[in-house]
Amino acid sequence: TDRVQNARGRAEKLADVRESIRHT
C-alpha cells in the first residue's frame, strides 16, 4: 500500500521484536 504501520504501532512492535531476538 501507500503507507506503513502507524508509528506508535511500529515502536511497540519493534520493542517486542528486539526483545524476541535477544531472548529466543
PDB file of all heavy atoms in Angstrom:
ATOM      1  N   THR A   1       0.832  -1.193   0.000  1.00  0.00           N
ATOM      2  CA  THR A   1       0.000   0.000   0.000  1.00  0.00           C
ATOM      3  C   THR A   1       0.872   1.251   0.000  1.00  0.00           C
ATOM      4  O   THR A   1       2.100   1.180  -0.034  1.00  0.00           O
ATOM      5  CB  THR A   1      -0.905   0.016   1.247  1.00  0.00           C
ATOM      6  OG1 THR A   1      -0.075   0.139   2.413  1.00  0.00           O
ATOM      7  CG2 THR A   1      -1.721  -1.266   1.342  1.00  0.00           C
ATOM      8  N   ASP A   2       0.205   2.422   0.071  1.00  0.00           N
ATOM      9  CA  ASP A   2       0.918   3.698   0.088  1.00  0.00           C
ATOM     10  C   ASP A   2       1.208   4.154   1.519  1.00  0.00           C
ATOM     11  O   ASP A   2       1.342   5.339   1.781  1.00  0.00           O
ATOM     12  CB  ASP A   2       0.119   4.774  -0.650  1.00  0.00           C
ATOM     13  CG  ASP A   2      -1.233   5.048  -0.019  1.00  0.00           C
ATOM     14  OD1 ASP A   2      -1.600   4.347   0.948  1.00  0.00           O
ATOM     15  OD2 ASP A   2      -1.928   5.969  -0.488  1.00  0.00           O
ATOM     16  N   ARG A   3       1.314   3.234   2.452  1.00  0.00           N
ATOM     17  CA  ARG A   3       1.557   3.573   3.847  1.00  0.00           C
ATOM     18  C   ARG A   3       2.362   2.463   4.506  1.00  0.00           C
ATOM     19  O   ARG A   3       2.526   1.362   3.957  1.00  0.00           O
ATOM     20  CB  ARG A   3       0.224   3.733   4.591  1.00  0.00           C
ATOM     21  CG  ARG A   3      -0.640   2.485   4.492  1.00  0.00           C
ATOM     22  CD  ARG A   3      -2.019   2.639   5.106  1.00  0.00           C
ATOM     23  NE  ARG A   3      -2.842   1.458   4.843  1.00  0.00           N
ATOM     24  CZ  ARG A   3      -3.744   1.380   3.876  1.00  0.00           C
ATOM     25  NH1 ARG A   3      -3.929   2.409   3.065  1.00  0.00           N
ATOM     26  NH2 ARG A   3      -4.454   0.290   3.695  1.00  0.00           N
ATOM     27  N   VAL A   4       2.869   2.769   5.684  1.00  0.00           N
ATOM     28  CA  VAL A   4       3.420   1.752   6.571  1.00  0.00           C
ATOM     29  C   VAL A   4       2.623   1.816   7.870  1.00  0.00           C
ATOM     30  O   VAL A   4       1.848   2.745   8.097  1.00  0.00           O
ATOM     31  CB  VAL A   4       4.921   1.953   6.844  1.00  0.00           C
ATOM     32  CG1 VAL A   4       5.727   1.787   5.564  1.00  0.00           C
ATOM     33  CG2 VAL A   4       5.196   3.316   7.474  1.00  0.00           C
ATOM     34  N   GLN A   5       2.801   0.836   8.721  1.00  0.00           N
ATOM     35  CA  GLN A   5       2.109   0.784  10.002  1.00  0.00           C
ATOM     36  C   GLN A   5       2.271   2.099  10.760  1.00  0.00           C
ATOM     37  O   GLN A   5       3.308   2.753  10.671  1.00  0.00           O
ATOM     38  CB  GLN A   5       2.695  -0.371  10.828  1.00  0.00           C
ATOM     39  CG  GLN A   5       2.029  -0.629  12.157  1.00  0.00           C
ATOM     40  CD  GLN A   5       2.726  -1.741  12.922  1.00  0.00           C
ATOM     41  OE1 GLN A   5       3.858  -2.135  12.596  1.00  0.00           O
ATOM     42  NE2 GLN A   5       2.083  -2.269  13.947  1.00  0.00           N
ATOM     43  N   ASN A   6       1.230   2.497  11.500  1.00  0.00           N
ATOM     44  CA  ASN A   6       1.318   3.740  12.259  1.00  0.00           C
ATOM     45  C   ASN A   6       2.517   3.710  13.194  1.00  0.00           C
ATOM     46  O   ASN A   6       2.920   2.662  13.700  1.00  0.00           O
ATOM     47  CB  ASN A   6       0.038   3.990  13.048  1.00  0.00           C
ATOM     48  CG  ASN A   6      -0.215   2.943  14.124  1.00  0.00           C
ATOM     49  OD1 ASN A   6      -0.278   1.749  13.826  1.00  0.00           O
ATOM     50  ND2 ASN A   6      -0.362   3.380  15.361  1.00  0.00           N
ATOM     51  N   ALA A   7       3.114   4.881  13.419  1.00  0.00           N
ATOM     52  CA  ALA A   7       4.396   4.959  14.119  1.00  0.00           C
ATOM     53  C   ALA A   7       4.337   4.370  15.521  1.00  0.00           C
ATOM     54  O   ALA A   7       5.276   3.700  15.963  1.00  0.00           O
ATOM     55  CB  ALA A   7       4.869   6.414  14.174  1.00  0.00           C
ATOM     56  N   ARG A   8       3.255   4.631  16.250  1.00  0.00           N
ATOM     57  CA  ARG A   8       3.151   4.073  17.598  1.00  0.00           C
ATOM     58  C   ARG A   8       3.148   2.551  17.555  1.00  0.00           C
ATOM     59  O   ARG A   8       3.808   1.888  18.357  1.00  0.00           O
ATOM     60  CB  ARG A   8       1.873   4.585  18.274  1.00  0.00           C
ATOM     61  CG  ARG A   8       1.708   4.100  19.701  1.00  0.00           C
ATOM     62  CD  ARG A   8       0.432   4.660  20.317  1.00  0.00           C
ATOM     63  NE  ARG A   8       0.249   4.209  21.672  1.00  0.00           N
ATOM     64  CZ  ARG A   8      -0.815   4.511  22.417  1.00  0.00           C
ATOM     65  NH1 ARG A   8      -1.770   5.275  21.917  1.00  0.00           N
ATOM     66  NH2 ARG A   8      -0.929   4.062  23.646  1.00  0.00           N
ATOM     67  N   GLY A   9       2.413   1.980  16.609  1.00  0.00           N
ATOM     68  CA  GLY A   9       2.406   0.531  16.457  1.00  0.00           C
ATOM     69  C   GLY A   9       3.773  -0.009  16.064  1.00  0.00           C
ATOM     70  O   GLY A   9       4.199  -1.065  16.540  1.00  0.00           O
ATOM     71  N   ARG A  10       4.473   0.709  15.188  1.00  0.00           N
ATOM     72  CA  ARG A  10       5.818   0.293  14.798  1.00  0.00           C
ATOM     73  C   ARG A  10       6.751   0.289  16.006  1.00  0.00           C
ATOM     74  O   ARG A  10       7.575  -0.625  16.164  1.00  0.00           O
ATOM     75  CB  ARG A  10       6.386   1.233  13.732  1.00  0.00           C
ATOM     76  CG  ARG A  10       5.767   1.104  12.351  1.00  0.00           C
ATOM     77  CD  ARG A  10       6.407   2.112  11.388  1.00  0.00           C
ATOM     78  NE  ARG A  10       7.787   1.788  11.116  1.00  0.00           N
ATOM     79  CZ  ARG A  10       8.702   2.677  10.753  1.00  0.00           C
ATOM     80  NH1 ARG A  10       8.386   3.959  10.666  1.00  0.00           N
ATOM     81  NH2 ARG A  10       9.931   2.302  10.496  1.00  0.00           N
ATOM     82  N   ALA A  11       6.638   1.321  16.848  1.00  0.00           N
ATOM     83  CA  ALA A  11       7.510   1.417  18.023  1.00  0.00           C
ATOM     84  C   ALA A  11       7.281   0.251  18.973  1.00  0.00           C
ATOM     85  O   ALA A  11       8.231  -0.389  19.450  1.00  0.00           O
ATOM     86  CB  ALA A  11       7.273   2.746  18.738  1.00  0.00           C
ATOM     87  N   GLU A  12       6.022  -0.048  19.252  1.00  0.00           N
ATOM     88  CA  GLU A  12       5.717  -1.149  20.164  1.00  0.00           C
ATOM     89  C   GLU A  12       6.149  -2.483  19.576  1.00  0.00           C
ATOM     90  O   GLU A  12       6.707  -3.336  20.287  1.00  0.00           O
ATOM     91  CB  GLU A  12       4.218  -1.144  20.463  1.00  0.00           C
ATOM     92  CG  GLU A  12       3.769   0.070  21.252  1.00  0.00           C
ATOM     93  CD  GLU A  12       2.266   0.222  21.313  1.00  0.00           C
ATOM     94  OE1 GLU A  12       1.560  -0.391  20.480  1.00  0.00           O
ATOM     95  OE2 GLU A  12       1.796   0.963  22.189  1.00  0.00           O
ATOM     96  N   LYS A  13       5.898  -2.664  18.296  1.00  0.00           N
ATOM     97  CA  LYS A  13       6.300  -3.910  17.639  1.00  0.00           C
ATOM     98  C   LYS A  13       7.812  -4.072  17.641  1.00  0.00           C
ATOM     99  O   LYS A  13       8.340  -5.165  17.906  1.00  0.00           O
ATOM    100  CB  LYS A  13       5.750  -3.933  16.208  1.00  0.00           C
ATOM    101  CG  LYS A  13       6.201  -5.127  15.370  1.00  0.00           C
ATOM    102  CD  LYS A  13       5.460  -5.188  14.053  1.00  0.00           C
ATOM    103  CE  LYS A  13       5.624  -3.943  13.226  1.00  0.00           C
ATOM    104  NZ  LYS A  13       7.031  -3.681  12.820  1.00  0.00           N
ATOM    105  N   LEU A  14       8.525  -2.985  17.354  1.00  0.00           N
ATOM    106  CA  LEU A  14       9.982  -3.046  17.333  1.00  0.00           C
ATOM    107  C   LEU A  14      10.527  -3.436  18.705  1.00  0.00           C
ATOM    108  O   LEU A  14      11.457  -4.245  18.805  1.00  0.00           O
ATOM    109  CB  LEU A  14      10.560  -1.698  16.901  1.00  0.00           C
ATOM    110  CG  LEU A  14      12.084  -1.600  16.854  1.00  0.00           C
ATOM    111  CD1 LEU A  14      12.679  -2.588  15.862  1.00  0.00           C
ATOM    112  CD2 LEU A  14      12.521  -0.174  16.507  1.00  0.00           C
ATOM    113  N   ALA A  15       9.953  -2.876  19.767  1.00  0.00           N
ATOM    114  CA  ALA A  15      10.396  -3.221  21.110  1.00  0.00           C
ATOM    115  C   ALA A  15      10.221  -4.715  21.371  1.00  0.00           C
ATOM    116  O   ALA A  15      11.119  -5.377  21.912  1.00  0.00           O
ATOM    117  CB  ALA A  15       9.627  -2.403  22.145  1.00  0.00           C
ATOM    118  N   ASP A  16       9.075  -5.268  20.973  1.00  0.00           N
ATOM    119  CA  ASP A  16       8.828  -6.693  21.184  1.00  0.00           C
ATOM    120  C   ASP A  16       9.740  -7.559  20.319  1.00  0.00           C
ATOM    121  O   ASP A  16      10.266  -8.581  20.774  1.00  0.00           O
ATOM    122  CB  ASP A  16       7.366  -7.022  20.867  1.00  0.00           C
ATOM    123  CG  ASP A  16       6.414  -6.484  21.915  1.00  0.00           C
ATOM    124  OD1 ASP A  16       6.821  -6.351  23.079  1.00  0.00           O
ATOM    125  OD2 ASP A  16       5.249  -6.196  21.569  1.00  0.00           O
ATOM    126  N   VAL A  17       9.921  -7.168  19.059  1.00  0.00           N
ATOM    127  CA  VAL A  17      10.747  -7.957  18.149  1.00  0.00           C
ATOM    128  C   VAL A  17      12.208  -7.954  18.598  1.00  0.00           C
ATOM    129  O   VAL A  17      12.878  -8.986  18.590  1.00  0.00           O
ATOM    130  CB  VAL A  17      10.615  -7.445  16.703  1.00  0.00           C
ATOM    131  CG1 VAL A  17      11.651  -8.097  15.788  1.00  0.00           C
ATOM    132  CG2 VAL A  17       9.213  -7.722  16.176  1.00  0.00           C
ATOM    133  N   ARG A  18      12.716  -6.785  19.027  1.00  0.00           N
ATOM    134  CA  ARG A  18      14.108  -6.734  19.501  1.00  0.00           C
ATOM    135  C   ARG A  18      14.287  -7.610  20.728  1.00  0.00           C
ATOM    136  O   ARG A  18      15.297  -8.306  20.869  1.00  0.00           O
ATOM    137  CB  ARG A  18      14.509  -5.298  19.829  1.00  0.00           C
ATOM    138  CG  ARG A  18      14.567  -4.306  18.696  1.00  0.00           C
ATOM    139  CD  ARG A  18      15.295  -4.722  17.469  1.00  0.00           C
ATOM    140  NE  ARG A  18      16.553  -5.412  17.684  1.00  0.00           N
ATOM    141  CZ  ARG A  18      17.307  -5.875  16.696  1.00  0.00           C
ATOM    142  NH1 ARG A  18      16.928  -5.734  15.436  1.00  0.00           N
ATOM    143  NH2 ARG A  18      18.444  -6.500  16.945  1.00  0.00           N
ATOM    144  N   GLU A  19      13.317  -7.613  21.622  1.00  0.00           N
ATOM    145  CA  GLU A  19      13.413  -8.465  22.806  1.00  0.00           C
ATOM    146  C   GLU A  19      13.349  -9.939  22.412  1.00  0.00           C
ATOM    147  O   GLU A  19      14.057 -10.780  22.970  1.00  0.00           O
ATOM    148  CB  GLU A  19      12.296  -8.123  23.792  1.00  0.00           C
ATOM    149  CG  GLU A  19      12.432  -8.851  25.122  1.00  0.00           C
ATOM    150  CD  GLU A  19      11.548  -8.270  26.201  1.00  0.00           C
ATOM    151  OE1 GLU A  19      11.252  -7.064  26.146  1.00  0.00           O
ATOM    152  OE2 GLU A  19      11.162  -9.021  27.108  1.00  0.00           O
ATOM    153  N   SER A  20      12.501 -10.266  21.441  1.00  0.00           N
ATOM    154  CA  SER A  20      12.404 -11.640  20.951  1.00  0.00           C
ATOM    155  C   SER A  20      13.728 -12.105  20.368  1.00  0.00           C
ATOM    156  O   SER A  20      14.175 -13.237  20.609  1.00  0.00           O
ATOM    157  CB  SER A  20      11.298 -11.732  19.894  1.00  0.00           C
ATOM    158  OG  SER A  20      11.255 -12.992  19.286  1.00  0.00           O
ATOM    159  N   ILE A  21      14.394 -11.244  19.613  1.00  0.00           N
ATOM    160  CA  ILE A  21      15.698 -11.594  19.038  1.00  0.00           C
ATOM    161  C   ILE A  21      16.703 -11.879  20.142  1.00  0.00           C
ATOM    162  O   ILE A  21      17.437 -12.879  20.109  1.00  0.00           O
ATOM    163  CB  ILE A  21      16.212 -10.467  18.126  1.00  0.00           C
ATOM    164  CG1 ILE A  21      15.333 -10.338  16.884  1.00  0.00           C
ATOM    165  CG2 ILE A  21      17.663 -10.723  17.715  1.00  0.00           C
ATOM    166  CD1 ILE A  21      15.677  -9.152  15.999  1.00  0.00           C
ATOM    167  N   ARG A  22      16.749 -10.997  21.141  1.00  0.00           N
ATOM    168  CA  ARG A  22      17.749 -11.157  22.194  1.00  0.00           C
ATOM    169  C   ARG A  22      17.528 -12.404  23.027  1.00  0.00           C
ATOM    170  O   ARG A  22      18.487 -13.060  23.443  1.00  0.00           O
ATOM    171  CB  ARG A  22      17.742  -9.917  23.097  1.00  0.00           C
ATOM    172  CG  ARG A  22      18.355  -8.680  22.467  1.00  0.00           C
ATOM    173  CD  ARG A  22      18.540  -7.580  23.487  1.00  0.00           C
ATOM    174  NE  ARG A  22      17.267  -7.117  24.023  1.00  0.00           N
ATOM    175  CZ  ARG A  22      16.565  -6.128  23.497  1.00  0.00           C
ATOM    176  NH1 ARG A  22      16.995  -5.504  22.407  1.00  0.00           N
ATOM    177  NH2 ARG A  22      15.419  -5.753  24.049  1.00  0.00           N
ATOM    178  N   HIS A  23      16.266 -12.766  23.285  1.00  0.00           N
ATOM    179  CA  HIS A  23      15.991 -13.848  24.226  1.00  0.00           C
ATOM    180  C   HIS A  23      15.760 -15.201  23.570  1.00  0.00           C
ATOM    181  O   HIS A  23      16.051 -16.233  24.177  1.00  0.00           O
ATOM    182  CB  HIS A  23      14.795 -13.478  25.100  1.00  0.00           C
ATOM    183  CG  HIS A  23      15.075 -12.367  26.066  1.00  0.00           C
ATOM    184  ND1 HIS A  23      15.940 -12.501  27.126  1.00  0.00           N
ATOM    185  CD2 HIS A  23      14.626 -11.098  26.125  1.00  0.00           C
ATOM    186  CE1 HIS A  23      16.000 -11.371  27.802  1.00  0.00           C
ATOM    187  NE2 HIS A  23      15.219 -10.495  27.202  1.00  0.00           N
ATOM    188  N   THR A  24      15.220 -15.230  22.347  1.00  0.00           N
ATOM    189  CA  THR A  24      14.901 -16.511  21.716  1.00  0.00           C
ATOM    190  C   THR A  24      15.520 -16.676  20.339  1.00  0.00           C
ATOM    191  O   THR A  24      15.490 -17.769  19.787  1.00  0.00           O
ATOM    192  CB  THR A  24      13.372 -16.688  21.588  1.00  0.00           C
ATOM    193  OG1 THR A  24      12.861 -15.765  20.614  1.00  0.00           O
ATOM    194  CG2 THR A  24      12.681 -16.447  22.925  1.00  0.00           C
TER     195      THR A  24
END
